[in-house]
């Protein structure tokens, strides 16, 4: 997750399973973490302003990748 601005109130990232560890976004801050069940997370409500981020997801599991899912849905993927 790449934070593109910080001129807003609220919007902190928190991890409830880790004593509500909280991160206050700063412009240019890049956070990388596993989004699995061991790292459940949330975002505090934005009180004012607009929070802009660039977020991406990836997987190490070929069978969960987006292109595989698209190909399966179109009938172009044959499982081994």
C-alpha atoms as a PDB file:
ATOM      1  CA  UNK A   1       0.000   0.000   0.000  1.00  0.00           C
ATOM      2  CA  UNK A   2       1.500   3.313  -1.090  1.00  0.00           C
ATOM      3  CA  UNK A   3       0.187   6.424   0.624  1.00  0.00           C
ATOM      4  CA  UNK A   4      -0.202   9.322  -1.788  1.00  0.00           C
ATOM      5  CA  UNK A   5      -1.207  12.030   0.693  1.00  0.00           C
ATOM      6  CA  UNK A   6      -1.584  12.777   4.381  1.00  0.00           C
ATOM      7  CA  UNK A   7      -3.821  15.872   4.425  1.00  0.00           C
ATOM      8  CA  UNK A   8      -6.761  14.108   6.059  1.00  0.00           C
ATOM      9  CA  UNK A   9      -7.807  13.192   9.598  1.00  0.00           C
ATOM     10  CA  UNK A  10      -8.337   9.555  10.566  1.00  0.00           C
ATOM     11  CA  UNK A  11      -7.650   6.753   8.100  1.00  0.00           C
ATOM     12  CA  UNK A  12      -4.979   5.022  10.187  1.00  0.00           C
ATOM     13  CA  UNK A  13      -4.222   1.394   9.360  1.00  0.00           C
ATOM     14  CA  UNK A  14      -4.575  -0.964  12.326  1.00  0.00           C
ATOM     15  CA  UNK A  15      -3.996  -4.653  13.076  1.00  0.00           C
ATOM     16  CA  UNK A  16      -6.422  -5.919  15.759  1.00  0.00           C
ATOM     17  CA  UNK A  17      -4.595  -9.234  16.252  1.00  0.00           C
ATOM     18  CA  UNK A  18      -1.409  -7.377  17.133  1.00  0.00           C
ATOM     19  CA  UNK A  19      -2.609  -5.240  20.057  1.00  0.00           C
ATOM     20  CA  UNK A  20      -4.252  -2.814  17.596  1.00  0.00           C
ATOM     21  CA  UNK A  21      -0.845  -1.812  16.242  1.00  0.00           C
ATOM     22  CA  UNK A  22      -1.657   1.402  14.338  1.00  0.00           C
ATOM     23  CA  UNK A  23       0.144   3.202  11.526  1.00  0.00           C
ATOM     24  CA  UNK A  24      -0.485   6.880  10.762  1.00  0.00           C
ATOM     25  CA  UNK A  25      -0.029   7.365   7.002  1.00  0.00           C
ATOM     26  CA  UNK A  26       2.615   9.738   5.667  1.00  0.00           C
ATOM     27  CA  UNK A  27       2.950  10.787   2.028  1.00  0.00           C
ATOM     28  CA  UNK A  28       5.253   8.374   0.191  1.00  0.00           C
ATOM     29  CA  UNK A  29       5.053   5.682   2.886  1.00  0.00           C
ATOM     30  CA  UNK A  30       5.057   2.163   1.434  1.00  0.00           C
ATOM     31  CA  UNK A  31       3.652  -0.690   3.514  1.00  0.00           C
ATOM     32  CA  UNK A  32       3.968  -4.334   2.536  1.00  0.00           C
ATOM     33  CA  UNK A  33       2.296  -7.008   4.621  1.00  0.00           C
ATOM     34  CA  UNK A  34       0.625 -10.335   4.191  1.00  0.00           C
ATOM     35  CA  UNK A  35      -3.138  -9.963   3.962  1.00  0.00           C
ATOM     36  CA  UNK A  36      -3.760 -13.459   5.275  1.00  0.00           C
ATOM     37  CA  UNK A  37      -5.772 -14.500   8.318  1.00  0.00           C
ATOM     38  CA  UNK A  38      -2.746 -13.872  10.574  1.00  0.00           C
ATOM     39  CA  UNK A  39      -2.611 -10.192   9.578  1.00  0.00           C
ATOM     40  CA  UNK A  40      -6.212  -9.057   9.606  1.00  0.00           C
ATOM     41  CA  UNK A  41      -6.346  -5.285   9.330  1.00  0.00           C
ATOM     42  CA  UNK A  42      -8.661  -2.327   9.095  1.00  0.00           C
ATOM     43  CA  UNK A  43      -8.737   1.379   8.422  1.00  0.00           C
ATOM     44  CA  UNK A  44     -10.032   3.908  10.953  1.00  0.00           C
ATOM     45  CA  UNK A  45     -12.849   6.109   9.703  1.00  0.00           C
ATOM     46  CA  UNK A  46     -11.757   9.227   7.837  1.00  0.00           C
ATOM     47  CA  UNK A  47     -12.942  12.272   9.776  1.00  0.00           C
ATOM     48  CA  UNK A  48     -12.073  14.910   7.178  1.00  0.00           C
ATOM     49  CA  UNK A  49     -10.319  15.196   3.839  1.00  0.00           C
ATOM     50  CA  UNK A  50      -9.717  12.462   1.278  1.00  0.00           C
ATOM     51  CA  UNK A  51      -7.258   9.585   1.704  1.00  0.00           C
ATOM     52  CA  UNK A  52      -5.499   8.500  -1.487  1.00  0.00           C
ATOM     53  CA  UNK A  53      -3.571   5.222  -1.736  1.00  0.00           C
ATOM     54  CA  UNK A  54      -2.316   2.858  -4.394  1.00  0.00           C
ATOM     55  CA  UNK A  55      -2.922  -0.722  -3.329  1.00  0.00           C
ATOM     56  CA  UNK A  56      -1.969  -3.938  -5.050  1.00  0.00           C
ATOM     57  CA  UNK A  57      -2.303  -7.611  -4.222  1.00  0.00           C
ATOM     58  CA  UNK A  58      -0.252 -10.627  -5.182  1.00  0.00           C
ATOM     59  CA  UNK A  59      -0.121 -14.335  -4.514  1.00  0.00           C
ATOM     60  CA  UNK A  60       2.509 -17.051  -4.578  1.00  0.00           C
ATOM     61  CA  UNK A  61      -0.204 -19.590  -5.449  1.00  0.00           C
ATOM     62  CA  UNK A  62      -0.492 -19.963  -9.242  1.00  0.00           C
ATOM     63  CA  UNK A  63      -4.050 -21.255  -8.924  1.00  0.00           C
ATOM     64  CA  UNK A  64      -5.184 -18.085  -7.135  1.00  0.00           C
ATOM     65  CA  UNK A  65      -3.663 -15.663  -9.630  1.00  0.00           C
ATOM     66  CA  UNK A  66      -6.027 -13.333 -11.480  1.00  0.00           C
ATOM     67  CA  UNK A  67      -5.140 -14.493 -14.996  1.00  0.00           C
ATOM     68  CA  UNK A  68      -5.699 -18.141 -14.056  1.00  0.00           C
ATOM     69  CA  UNK A  69      -9.132 -17.244 -12.681  1.00  0.00           C
ATOM     70  CA  UNK A  70      -9.998 -15.284 -15.827  1.00  0.00           C
ATOM     71  CA  UNK A  71      -8.869 -18.159 -18.041  1.00  0.00           C
ATOM     72  CA  UNK A  72     -10.822 -20.694 -15.930  1.00  0.00           C
ATOM     73  CA  UNK A  73     -13.966 -18.594 -16.250  1.00  0.00           C
ATOM     74  CA  UNK A  74     -13.531 -18.414 -20.016  1.00  0.00           C
ATOM     75  CA  UNK A  75     -12.873 -22.159 -20.257  1.00  0.00           C
ATOM     76  CA  UNK A  76      -9.296 -21.668 -21.488  1.00  0.00           C
ATOM     77  CA  UNK A  77      -7.536 -23.159 -18.468  1.00  0.00           C
ATOM     78  CA  UNK A  78      -7.131 -26.894 -18.174  1.00  0.00           C
ATOM     79  CA  UNK A  79      -6.024 -28.109 -14.751  1.00  0.00           C
ATOM     80  CA  UNK A  80      -3.157 -30.566 -14.684  1.00  0.00           C
END
